[in-house]
Amino acid sequence: MAETAAAAVLRQYCCHKCGNIVSRHDDIVSKDFQATNGRAFLFSHATNVNDGPEEERMLLTGLHTVVDVYCSDCGEVLGWKYIYAFEESEKYKEGKTVLEKFKISKQNW
C-alpha cells in the first residue's frame, strides 16, 4: 500500500526563490541543455510563469525567437521559451520551455 501511495506522488519543480510550482518532472523532454550559468532542462510545459517580450537570440544551436520566462509569484527569471526556430532541425523546440537547473528546486522527491 505504501508503495502505491509513493508512486502517486507528483514530482514537481519549483522556483528556487519562492517555491512556486513551475513544472512537473514528467514534462522533461531533455536534460542536455546548456544555459549561460550551467545546465538546464527542456520542458514540454511550464506553469505559473509569465512571458517577457519576444526577441531574436543567437544560441548555441542557432538563431531562435525566444521569450524569457519569469516566476509568476516573485518575478525571478527562470529560463526562456522557444517561440520560433529558424533551423529546420530545431523546430521541435518551438513552444517548449528551458528552465535553468540552479533556478529551480525539487518538490515531492
Protein backbone atom coordinates (compact mmCIF):
# COMPACT_ATOMS: atom_id res chain seq x y z
CA MET A 1 0.00 0.00 0.00
CA ALA A 2 2.79 2.45 0.89
CA GLU A 3 4.49 1.81 -2.48
CA THR A 4 1.27 2.66 -4.34
CA ALA A 5 0.86 5.92 -2.42
CA ALA A 6 4.52 6.84 -3.01
CA ALA A 7 4.16 6.17 -6.74
CA ALA A 8 1.17 8.53 -6.86
CA VAL A 9 3.22 11.47 -5.52
CA LEU A 10 3.66 14.04 -8.25
CA ARG A 11 7.31 15.07 -8.57
CA GLN A 12 7.50 18.76 -9.39
CA TYR A 13 9.93 21.62 -9.84
CA CYS A 14 9.53 24.95 -8.04
CA CYS A 15 11.04 28.41 -8.27
CA HIS A 16 14.18 28.32 -6.11
CA LYS A 17 13.40 31.75 -4.70
CA CYS A 18 9.75 31.50 -3.62
CA GLY A 19 8.68 27.85 -4.00
CA ASN A 20 6.05 28.49 -6.70
CA ILE A 21 5.43 25.26 -8.68
CA VAL A 22 6.60 25.79 -12.28
CA SER A 23 6.69 22.32 -13.89
CA ARG A 24 6.38 18.57 -13.43
CA HIS A 25 9.18 16.03 -13.69
CA ASP A 26 7.09 14.12 -16.25
CA ASP A 27 7.24 17.14 -18.59
CA ILE A 28 11.02 16.95 -19.07
CA VAL A 29 11.91 16.49 -22.73
CA SER A 30 15.70 16.73 -22.28
CA LYS A 31 18.26 17.27 -19.52
CA ASP A 32 21.05 18.00 -22.02
CA PHE A 33 20.63 21.76 -22.37
CA GLN A 34 23.22 24.39 -21.59
CA ALA A 35 22.38 27.87 -20.29
CA THR A 36 24.69 30.79 -19.61
CA ASN A 37 25.07 29.75 -15.97
CA GLY A 38 25.18 25.96 -16.35
CA ARG A 39 22.85 23.05 -17.02
CA ALA A 40 19.22 23.46 -17.97
CA PHE A 41 16.24 21.23 -18.70
CA LEU A 42 13.86 21.43 -21.66
CA PHE A 43 10.21 21.04 -20.57
CA SER A 44 7.17 20.42 -22.75
CA HIS A 45 5.06 22.53 -20.36
CA ALA A 46 5.65 25.16 -17.69
CA THR A 47 3.06 26.65 -15.40
CA ASN A 48 2.88 29.71 -13.15
CA VAL A 49 5.32 31.63 -15.35
CA ASN A 50 4.97 34.91 -17.22
CA ASP A 51 6.50 35.57 -20.62
CA GLY A 52 8.70 38.54 -21.41
CA PRO A 53 8.85 40.25 -24.81
CA GLU A 54 9.89 38.29 -27.91
CA GLU A 55 13.44 38.72 -29.12
CA GLU A 56 15.73 37.02 -31.59
CA ARG A 57 18.66 35.41 -29.80
CA MET A 58 21.70 33.58 -31.14
CA LEU A 59 22.02 30.43 -29.05
CA LEU A 60 24.46 27.52 -29.29
CA THR A 61 22.16 25.80 -31.79
CA GLY A 62 21.50 28.83 -33.98
CA LEU A 63 19.11 31.77 -34.22
CA HIS A 64 15.78 31.48 -32.37
CA THR A 65 12.92 33.76 -31.39
CA VAL A 66 12.52 33.38 -27.62
CA VAL A 67 10.89 34.98 -24.59
CA ASP A 68 12.36 34.96 -21.11
CA VAL A 69 10.10 33.25 -18.57
CA TYR A 70 9.57 34.68 -15.09
CA CYS A 71 8.09 33.16 -11.95
CA SER A 72 4.53 34.48 -11.70
CA ASP A 73 4.86 34.94 -7.92
CA CYS A 74 8.25 36.58 -7.36
CA GLY A 75 9.31 37.67 -10.86
CA GLU A 76 12.59 35.70 -10.88
CA VAL A 77 13.90 34.90 -14.38
CA LEU A 78 13.86 31.09 -14.61
CA GLY A 79 14.78 30.48 -18.24
CA TRP A 80 13.27 31.01 -21.67
CA LYS A 81 10.64 29.66 -24.06
CA TYR A 82 11.24 28.95 -27.73
CA ILE A 83 8.76 30.73 -29.97
CA TYR A 84 10.37 30.11 -33.36
CA ALA A 85 13.38 28.14 -34.59
CA PHE A 86 14.96 29.26 -37.86
CA GLU A 87 16.71 25.92 -38.46
CA GLU A 88 14.51 23.01 -39.52
CA SER A 89 16.37 20.63 -37.18
CA GLU A 90 15.48 22.85 -34.21
CA LYS A 91 11.72 23.10 -34.83
CA TYR A 92 10.97 20.51 -32.12
CA LYS A 93 11.85 23.17 -29.51
CA GLU A 94 9.09 25.56 -30.54
CA GLY A 95 6.60 26.12 -27.70
CA LYS A 96 8.84 24.38 -25.17
CA THR A 97 10.45 25.98 -22.12
CA VAL A 98 14.02 25.79 -20.85
CA LEU A 99 14.41 26.16 -17.07
CA GLU A 100 17.89 26.68 -15.66
CA LYS A 101 18.74 23.95 -13.14
CA PHE A 102 20.07 26.35 -10.49
CA LYS A 103 16.84 28.40 -10.67
CA ILE A 104 14.52 25.51 -9.81
CA SER A 105 14.27 23.10 -6.90
CA LYS A 106 12.63 19.70 -6.50
CA GLN A 107 9.38 19.10 -4.60
CA ASN A 108 7.93 15.71 -3.51
CA TRP A 109 11.09 13.71 -4.22
